Amino acid sequence: MPQTLASLITSFILTFLVTPLVVGFFKKRNIMDKPGGRKIHTGDTPSMGGIAIFIGMIIALLIWMPMVGLQRFKFFYGAMGIMFIVGLRDDLVPVRPIVKLAAQLLSSCMVIFLMDIKLNSFYGLLTIEELPYIISFFFSLFTLIVITNSYNLIDGLDGLASSIGIIAFFFFGIYFFLVGQTYYSMVCFAFIGALIAFLNFNWEPSRIFMGDTGALLIGFALAVVTIKFIDYNHYLPEETPFKLTSSVAVGISVIIIPLFDTLRVFISRAVKRKSPFSPDKTHLHHILMRLGFSHSGTTLIMIATNIAIICIALALDFLGDNILVPLIIGLCILLSLMLDEILRANIRRKKKAITKSFRRD
């Protein structure tokens, strides 16, 4: 525990000290994210906050993680480094989607083949257990890429991605510590320290954005620890303290905001016969802001929703994945439909008000 807390404190201090330097560096060179289009912010803002996060996190781990851990995790660090470099390159000069996908495939293959981090089965979901190796590989590859990009897609609001990252890493960090996976716990808490420090500059009004530099890095790290949690928890002996019954459902609940928001947006675009990758303002945070909530208000609502769903999953963990996974998905669909209906009702009220004002005139 002392090393875990030390990694958190060190990453917090380093990120807190480095972030203003990053802000100043890019402001002096006028390398800024300009407002306009789908972007919600109104002023020129630096968008490579992931640099400070990466520096704080990686130095803290290099200082406090024992040599045995550094040796075991060297390929994980290498994979995260690839994601960081590609994200930084994309923030400076946009790269083609195929380049980002290639980087994600390379990083994912590194952790699958060199660290054996993969989904080995369906864990009893739909009564399916062990998977053939080739199916396990492609299923794991798909999951890593989906989670990475889902997290990247929610980085569109002050403090949202940072807050969701803190919640997810906190859950996984505590779990890994309780079951004796100290090195994974240290990675999680190093990210927590960096993200808490970064949030001081990323909360409304934001002085710096995370950018792809941070979002791809953090999304990939979250994907890795999510898969590790699901697989490790499932194969723990039944008598092990802190073993959860519903590995898949609880894992999904921790990262439900980016996962469900991405799925919802892709389905919405497909129904409208648009490319799932075409930009628009249909994300959950866009809808909440159209209802009149501020940046911080919208972020707090989504944080509260994420925590509530995690609590529900933990409280109903005894139900098992075959019941709990559909239950969580159904709850998210219900909340989404309610939100859409509230938005439609709000639009109808505004139209009626405009029509009445024209009639009076």
Protein backbone atom coordinates (compact mmCIF):
# COMPACT_ATOMS: atom_id res chain seq x y z
CA MET A 1 0.00 0.00 0.00
CA PRO A 2 2.76 2.58 0.74
CA GLN A 3 4.16 2.24 -2.80
CA THR A 4 0.67 2.50 -4.28
CA LEU A 5 -0.06 5.71 -2.38
CA ALA A 6 3.42 7.00 -3.20
CA SER A 7 2.75 6.50 -6.92
CA LEU A 8 -0.52 8.44 -6.59
CA ILE A 9 1.06 11.34 -4.68
CA THR A 10 4.10 11.51 -6.97
CA SER A 11 2.04 11.50 -10.17
CA PHE A 12 -0.25 14.17 -8.69
CA ILE A 13 2.63 16.49 -7.78
CA LEU A 14 4.43 16.03 -11.10
CA THR A 15 1.30 16.52 -13.21
CA PHE A 16 0.25 19.53 -11.14
CA LEU A 17 3.65 21.15 -11.69
CA VAL A 18 4.04 20.23 -15.37
CA THR A 19 0.54 21.16 -16.61
CA PRO A 20 1.03 24.98 -16.31
CA LEU A 21 4.31 24.59 -18.21
CA VAL A 22 2.50 22.75 -21.00
CA VAL A 23 -0.20 25.46 -21.09
CA GLY A 24 2.40 28.21 -21.30
CA PHE A 25 4.49 26.41 -23.92
CA PHE A 26 1.62 25.96 -26.39
CA LYS A 27 0.10 29.37 -25.72
CA LYS A 28 3.41 31.10 -26.54
CA ARG A 29 3.57 29.22 -29.83
CA ASN A 30 -0.15 29.73 -30.52
CA ILE A 31 -0.73 25.98 -30.87
CA MET A 32 -4.34 26.06 -29.73
CA ASP A 33 -7.65 24.28 -30.23
CA LYS A 34 -9.87 26.81 -31.98
CA PRO A 35 -13.62 26.97 -31.21
CA GLY A 36 -16.22 26.30 -33.88
CA GLY A 37 -18.08 23.43 -35.54
CA ARG A 38 -19.05 20.72 -33.05
CA LYS A 39 -16.74 22.15 -30.38
CA ILE A 40 -18.41 23.47 -27.26
CA HIS A 41 -15.64 25.71 -25.94
CA THR A 42 -15.66 29.42 -26.83
CA GLY A 43 -11.99 30.41 -26.58
CA ASP A 44 -8.64 29.24 -27.93
CA THR A 45 -7.35 26.50 -25.61
CA PRO A 46 -4.26 24.23 -25.63
CA SER A 47 -5.24 20.61 -26.23
CA MET A 48 -2.27 18.45 -25.31
CA GLY A 49 -2.78 18.02 -21.58
CA GLY A 50 -1.99 14.34 -22.04
CA ILE A 51 1.69 15.31 -22.03
CA ALA A 52 1.53 16.28 -18.35
CA ILE A 53 -0.57 13.22 -17.49
CA PHE A 54 1.89 10.89 -19.21
CA ILE A 55 4.93 12.50 -17.57
CA GLY A 56 3.38 12.37 -14.08
CA MET A 57 2.14 8.80 -14.44
CA ILE A 58 5.20 7.21 -16.04
CA ILE A 59 7.80 8.88 -13.78
CA ALA A 60 5.83 7.92 -10.67
CA LEU A 61 5.78 4.28 -11.78
CA LEU A 62 9.47 4.30 -12.74
CA ILE A 63 10.32 5.63 -9.26
CA TRP A 64 8.09 3.45 -7.09
CA MET A 65 7.41 0.20 -8.95
CA PRO A 66 9.92 -2.52 -7.99
CA MET A 67 12.28 -3.73 -10.71
CA VAL A 68 10.36 -7.02 -10.97
CA GLY A 69 7.19 -5.08 -11.77
CA LEU A 70 8.93 -2.84 -14.29
CA GLN A 71 10.28 -5.94 -16.03
CA ARG A 72 6.84 -7.57 -16.14
CA PHE A 73 5.10 -4.40 -17.33
CA LYS A 74 7.69 -3.18 -19.86
CA PHE A 75 5.52 -4.17 -22.84
CA PHE A 76 2.50 -2.44 -21.29
CA TYR A 77 4.54 0.75 -20.89
CA GLY A 78 5.77 0.38 -24.45
CA ALA A 79 2.21 -0.01 -25.75
CA MET A 80 1.07 3.05 -23.79
CA GLY A 81 4.04 4.97 -25.19
CA ILE A 82 2.91 4.17 -28.73
CA MET A 83 -0.60 5.44 -27.98
CA PHE A 84 0.83 8.60 -26.41
CA ILE A 85 3.07 9.37 -29.40
CA VAL A 86 0.31 8.81 -31.96
CA GLY A 87 -2.10 10.95 -29.92
CA LEU A 88 0.48 13.73 -29.65
CA ARG A 89 1.15 13.57 -33.39
CA ASP A 90 -2.59 13.75 -34.09
CA ASP A 91 -3.01 16.82 -31.86
CA LEU A 92 -0.12 18.59 -33.57
CA VAL A 93 -0.86 17.56 -37.16
CA PRO A 94 -3.95 15.36 -37.70
CA VAL A 95 -3.11 11.85 -38.87
CA ARG A 96 -5.28 9.60 -41.01
CA PRO A 97 -7.67 7.29 -39.12
CA ILE A 98 -5.86 4.28 -40.57
CA VAL A 99 -2.65 5.41 -38.83
CA LYS A 100 -4.39 5.66 -35.44
CA LEU A 101 -6.00 2.26 -36.01
CA ALA A 102 -2.62 0.73 -36.90
CA ALA A 103 -1.14 2.12 -33.66
CA GLN A 104 -4.04 0.69 -31.66
CA LEU A 105 -3.64 -2.70 -33.34
CA LEU A 106 0.09 -2.73 -32.61
CA SER A 107 -0.36 -1.71 -28.95
CA SER A 108 -3.19 -4.21 -28.49
CA CYS A 109 -1.17 -7.07 -30.01
CA MET A 110 1.72 -6.22 -27.68
CA VAL A 111 -0.36 -6.68 -24.52
CA ILE A 112 -2.22 -9.70 -25.90
CA PHE A 113 0.81 -11.67 -27.08
CA LEU A 114 3.55 -10.39 -24.78
CA MET A 115 1.56 -9.96 -21.54
CA ASP A 116 -1.20 -12.52 -22.16
CA ILE A 117 -3.90 -9.95 -21.37
CA LYS A 118 -6.96 -11.23 -23.20
CA LEU A 119 -10.53 -12.42 -22.81
CA ASN A 120 -10.17 -16.19 -22.64
CA SER A 121 -13.89 -16.95 -22.56
CA PHE A 122 -17.38 -15.44 -22.41
CA TYR A 123 -17.24 -16.18 -18.65
CA GLY A 124 -20.58 -17.98 -18.66
CA LEU A 125 -22.38 -15.18 -20.50
CA LEU A 126 -24.94 -16.78 -22.82
CA THR A 127 -23.74 -20.07 -21.26
CA ILE A 128 -20.49 -19.80 -23.29
CA GLU A 129 -17.27 -20.56 -21.45
CA GLU A 130 -13.84 -21.16 -23.01
CA LEU A 131 -13.09 -19.72 -26.46
CA PRO A 132 -10.76 -21.14 -29.11
CA TYR A 133 -7.47 -19.21 -29.14
CA ILE A 134 -8.04 -17.48 -32.48
CA ILE A 135 -11.53 -16.29 -31.43
CA SER A 136 -10.17 -15.17 -28.05
CA PHE A 137 -7.48 -13.14 -29.82
CA PHE A 138 -9.83 -11.31 -32.19
CA PHE A 139 -12.45 -10.77 -29.48
CA SER A 140 -9.80 -9.27 -27.19
CA LEU A 141 -8.42 -7.13 -30.00
CA PHE A 142 -11.89 -5.82 -30.80
CA THR A 143 -12.60 -5.07 -27.11
CA LEU A 144 -9.34 -3.16 -26.62
CA ILE A 145 -9.99 -0.99 -29.68
CA VAL A 146 -13.65 -0.36 -28.80
CA ILE A 147 -12.90 0.76 -25.23
CA THR A 148 -9.94 2.91 -26.33
CA ASN A 149 -12.00 4.78 -28.92
CA SER A 150 -15.10 4.99 -26.74
CA TYR A 151 -13.12 6.84 -24.09
CA ASN A 152 -11.58 9.08 -26.75
CA LEU A 153 -15.06 10.02 -28.03
CA ILE A 154 -16.32 11.32 -24.66
CA ASP A 155 -13.46 13.81 -24.38
CA GLY A 156 -15.66 16.66 -25.53
CA LEU A 157 -16.56 18.44 -22.32
CA ASP A 158 -14.60 20.17 -19.56
CA GLY A 159 -13.65 17.61 -16.91
CA LEU A 160 -15.76 14.73 -18.25
CA ALA A 161 -13.09 12.33 -19.54
CA SER A 162 -10.82 13.07 -16.56
CA SER A 163 -13.63 12.40 -14.06
CA ILE A 164 -14.75 9.17 -15.75
CA GLY A 165 -11.12 8.03 -15.80
CA ILE A 166 -10.70 8.75 -12.08
CA ILE A 167 -13.84 6.76 -11.22
CA ALA A 168 -12.83 3.76 -13.34
CA PHE A 169 -9.20 3.66 -12.20
CA PHE A 170 -10.28 4.06 -8.56
CA PHE A 171 -12.57 1.03 -8.76
CA PHE A 172 -10.01 -1.15 -10.53
CA GLY A 173 -7.15 0.13 -8.35
CA ILE A 174 -8.97 -0.77 -5.13
CA TYR A 175 -10.01 -4.16 -6.51
CA PHE A 176 -6.49 -5.09 -7.66
CA PHE A 177 -5.08 -4.03 -4.30
CA LEU A 178 -7.60 -6.17 -2.40
CA VAL A 179 -6.88 -9.29 -4.49
CA GLY A 180 -3.10 -8.87 -4.30
CA GLN A 181 -2.41 -7.56 -7.82
CA THR A 182 -0.23 -4.74 -6.48
CA TYR A 183 1.44 -3.74 -9.74
CA TYR A 184 -1.87 -3.23 -11.55
CA SER A 185 -3.08 -1.29 -8.53
CA MET A 186 -0.03 0.97 -8.76
CA VAL A 187 -0.72 1.67 -12.44
CA CYS A 188 -4.32 2.60 -11.63
CA PHE A 189 -3.36 4.90 -8.75
CA ALA A 190 -0.62 6.57 -10.78
CA PHE A 191 -3.28 7.48 -13.34
CA ILE A 192 -5.62 8.67 -10.57
CA GLY A 193 -3.01 11.05 -9.17
CA ALA A 194 -2.24 12.45 -12.63
CA LEU A 195 -5.92 12.85 -13.53
CA ILE A 196 -6.86 14.56 -10.25
CA ALA A 197 -4.02 17.04 -10.77
CA PHE A 198 -5.02 17.59 -14.41
CA LEU A 199 -8.67 18.09 -13.42
CA ASN A 200 -7.63 21.25 -11.56
CA PHE A 201 -6.86 22.80 -14.95
CA ASN A 202 -9.51 20.94 -16.97
CA TRP A 203 -12.63 21.84 -14.97
CA GLU A 204 -14.89 24.59 -16.32
CA PRO A 205 -13.55 27.05 -17.42
CA SER A 206 -10.87 24.75 -18.79
CA ARG A 207 -7.32 26.07 -19.22
CA ILE A 208 -6.22 23.00 -21.18
CA PHE A 209 -7.81 19.97 -22.85
CA MET A 210 -6.66 16.38 -22.64
CA GLY A 211 -6.58 15.94 -26.41
CA ASP A 212 -5.90 12.68 -28.21
CA THR A 213 -2.50 12.79 -26.48
CA GLY A 214 -4.22 11.88 -23.22
CA ALA A 215 -7.49 10.29 -24.36
CA LEU A 216 -5.90 7.53 -26.46
CA LEU A 217 -3.36 6.80 -23.71
CA ILE A 218 -5.94 6.66 -20.91
CA GLY A 219 -8.54 4.85 -23.01
CA PHE A 220 -6.03 2.14 -23.89
CA ALA A 221 -4.88 1.77 -20.27
CA LEU A 222 -8.51 1.49 -19.15
CA ALA A 223 -9.16 -1.16 -21.81
CA VAL A 224 -6.22 -3.22 -20.54
CA VAL A 225 -7.18 -3.07 -16.85
CA THR A 226 -10.84 -3.77 -17.68
CA ILE A 227 -9.93 -6.96 -19.53
CA LYS A 228 -7.49 -7.93 -16.78
CA PHE A 229 -10.22 -7.40 -14.16
CA ILE A 230 -12.84 -9.48 -16.01
CA ASP A 231 -10.47 -12.37 -16.71
CA TYR A 232 -8.64 -12.41 -13.38
CA ASN A 233 -11.79 -12.14 -11.26
CA HIS A 234 -13.58 -14.93 -13.12
CA TYR A 235 -10.82 -17.48 -12.52
CA LEU A 236 -10.31 -16.70 -8.81
CA PRO A 237 -11.25 -19.61 -6.51
CA GLU A 238 -14.81 -19.32 -5.21
CA GLU A 239 -13.67 -19.00 -1.59
CA THR A 240 -11.40 -16.01 -2.39
CA PRO A 241 -12.44 -12.84 -0.55
CA PHE A 242 -13.57 -9.99 -2.80
CA LYS A 243 -14.28 -12.32 -5.75
CA LEU A 244 -17.29 -10.97 -7.66
CA THR A 245 -19.91 -13.18 -9.26
CA SER A 246 -20.60 -11.01 -12.33
CA SER A 247 -17.19 -10.21 -13.82
CA VAL A 248 -18.50 -8.98 -17.18
CA ALA A 249 -21.42 -6.94 -15.83
CA VAL A 250 -19.34 -5.17 -13.19
CA GLY A 251 -16.54 -4.50 -15.67
CA ILE A 252 -19.03 -3.00 -18.14
CA SER A 253 -20.67 -0.89 -15.42
CA VAL A 254 -17.34 0.76 -14.53
CA ILE A 255 -16.85 2.10 -18.08
CA ILE A 256 -20.54 2.28 -19.00
CA ILE A 257 -20.62 6.00 -19.86
CA PRO A 258 -18.14 5.89 -22.77
CA LEU A 259 -19.32 2.44 -23.92
CA PHE A 260 -23.03 3.19 -23.98
CA ASP A 261 -22.62 6.72 -25.34
CA THR A 262 -20.56 5.43 -28.27
CA LEU A 263 -23.00 2.60 -28.99
CA ARG A 264 -25.94 4.99 -28.80
CA VAL A 265 -24.33 7.52 -31.16
CA PHE A 266 -23.32 4.86 -33.69
CA ILE A 267 -26.85 3.39 -33.76
CA SER A 268 -28.38 6.86 -34.08
CA ARG A 269 -26.14 7.68 -37.05
CA ALA A 270 -26.83 4.32 -38.69
CA VAL A 271 -30.60 4.90 -38.41
CA LYS A 272 -30.11 8.27 -40.14
CA ARG A 273 -28.00 6.49 -42.80
CA LYS A 274 -24.90 8.41 -41.82
CA SER A 275 -21.41 7.06 -41.31
CA PRO A 276 -20.93 5.98 -37.68
CA PHE A 277 -17.78 8.12 -37.67
CA SER A 278 -19.46 11.28 -39.03
CA PRO A 279 -19.23 14.11 -36.44
CA ASP A 280 -22.42 15.51 -34.91
CA LYS A 281 -23.85 16.73 -31.61
CA THR A 282 -25.76 13.62 -30.50
CA HIS A 283 -23.55 12.58 -27.59
CA LEU A 284 -25.18 12.48 -24.17
CA HIS A 285 -23.28 15.54 -22.99
CA HIS A 286 -24.51 17.50 -26.03
CA ILE A 287 -28.13 16.61 -25.19
CA LEU A 288 -27.76 17.59 -21.53
CA MET A 289 -26.28 20.93 -22.53
CA ARG A 290 -29.14 21.54 -24.99
CA LEU A 291 -31.46 21.07 -22.01
CA GLY A 292 -29.75 24.03 -20.35
CA PHE A 293 -27.14 22.41 -18.12
CA SER A 294 -23.71 24.02 -17.83
CA HIS A 295 -20.42 22.25 -18.56
CA SER A 296 -19.87 21.45 -14.91
CA GLY A 297 -23.53 20.55 -14.33
CA THR A 298 -23.51 18.12 -17.25
CA THR A 299 -20.25 16.55 -16.07
CA LEU A 300 -21.61 16.11 -12.53
CA ILE A 301 -24.79 14.44 -13.84
CA MET A 302 -22.76 11.96 -15.89
CA ILE A 303 -20.39 11.28 -12.98
CA ALA A 304 -23.34 10.62 -10.66
CA THR A 305 -24.92 8.31 -13.26
CA ASN A 306 -21.68 6.35 -13.66
CA ILE A 307 -21.30 5.91 -9.89
CA ALA A 308 -24.96 4.93 -9.51
CA ILE A 309 -24.68 2.22 -12.18
CA ILE A 310 -21.51 0.83 -10.55
CA CYS A 311 -23.31 0.70 -7.19
CA ILE A 312 -26.30 -1.07 -8.77
CA ALA A 313 -23.99 -3.63 -10.41
CA LEU A 314 -22.19 -4.32 -7.13
CA ALA A 315 -25.46 -4.56 -5.18
CA LEU A 316 -26.91 -7.03 -7.71
CA ASP A 317 -23.65 -8.87 -8.37
CA PHE A 318 -25.18 -12.09 -6.99
CA LEU A 319 -27.54 -12.28 -10.00
CA GLY A 320 -24.77 -13.33 -12.38
CA ASP A 321 -23.82 -11.99 -15.79
CA ASN A 322 -26.69 -13.57 -17.72
CA ILE A 323 -29.19 -11.48 -15.75
CA LEU A 324 -27.13 -8.46 -14.76
CA VAL A 325 -25.66 -7.58 -18.19
CA PRO A 326 -29.10 -7.27 -19.87
CA LEU A 327 -30.37 -5.43 -16.78
CA ILE A 328 -27.61 -2.80 -16.99
CA ILE A 329 -28.04 -2.39 -20.75
CA GLY A 330 -31.81 -2.11 -20.34
CA LEU A 331 -31.40 0.53 -17.63
CA CYS A 332 -29.10 2.56 -19.88
CA ILE A 333 -31.54 2.31 -22.79
CA LEU A 334 -34.39 3.42 -20.53
CA LEU A 335 -32.40 6.43 -19.27
CA SER A 336 -31.44 7.32 -22.84
CA LEU A 337 -35.05 7.14 -24.06
CA MET A 338 -36.18 9.30 -21.15
CA LEU A 339 -33.49 11.87 -21.96
CA ASP A 340 -34.50 11.91 -25.64
CA GLU A 341 -38.15 12.40 -24.72
CA ILE A 342 -37.31 15.26 -22.33
CA LEU A 343 -35.32 16.91 -25.13
CA ARG A 344 -38.18 16.51 -27.62
CA ALA A 345 -40.67 17.91 -25.10
CA ASN A 346 -38.34 20.85 -24.47
CA ILE A 347 -38.09 21.53 -28.23
CA ARG A 348 -41.90 21.37 -28.57
CA ARG A 349 -42.34 23.86 -25.74
CA LYS A 350 -39.89 26.26 -27.37
CA LYS A 351 -41.68 25.96 -30.73
CA LYS A 352 -45.03 26.67 -29.09
CA ALA A 353 -43.59 29.68 -27.29
CA ILE A 354 -42.18 31.04 -30.58
CA THR A 355 -45.50 30.45 -32.36
CA LYS A 356 -47.43 32.30 -29.63
CA SER A 357 -45.05 35.24 -29.75
CA PHE A 358 -45.51 35.51 -33.53
CA ARG A 359 -49.29 35.44 -33.15
CA ARG A 360 -49.20 38.21 -30.56
CA ASP A 361 -47.01 40.30 -32.87
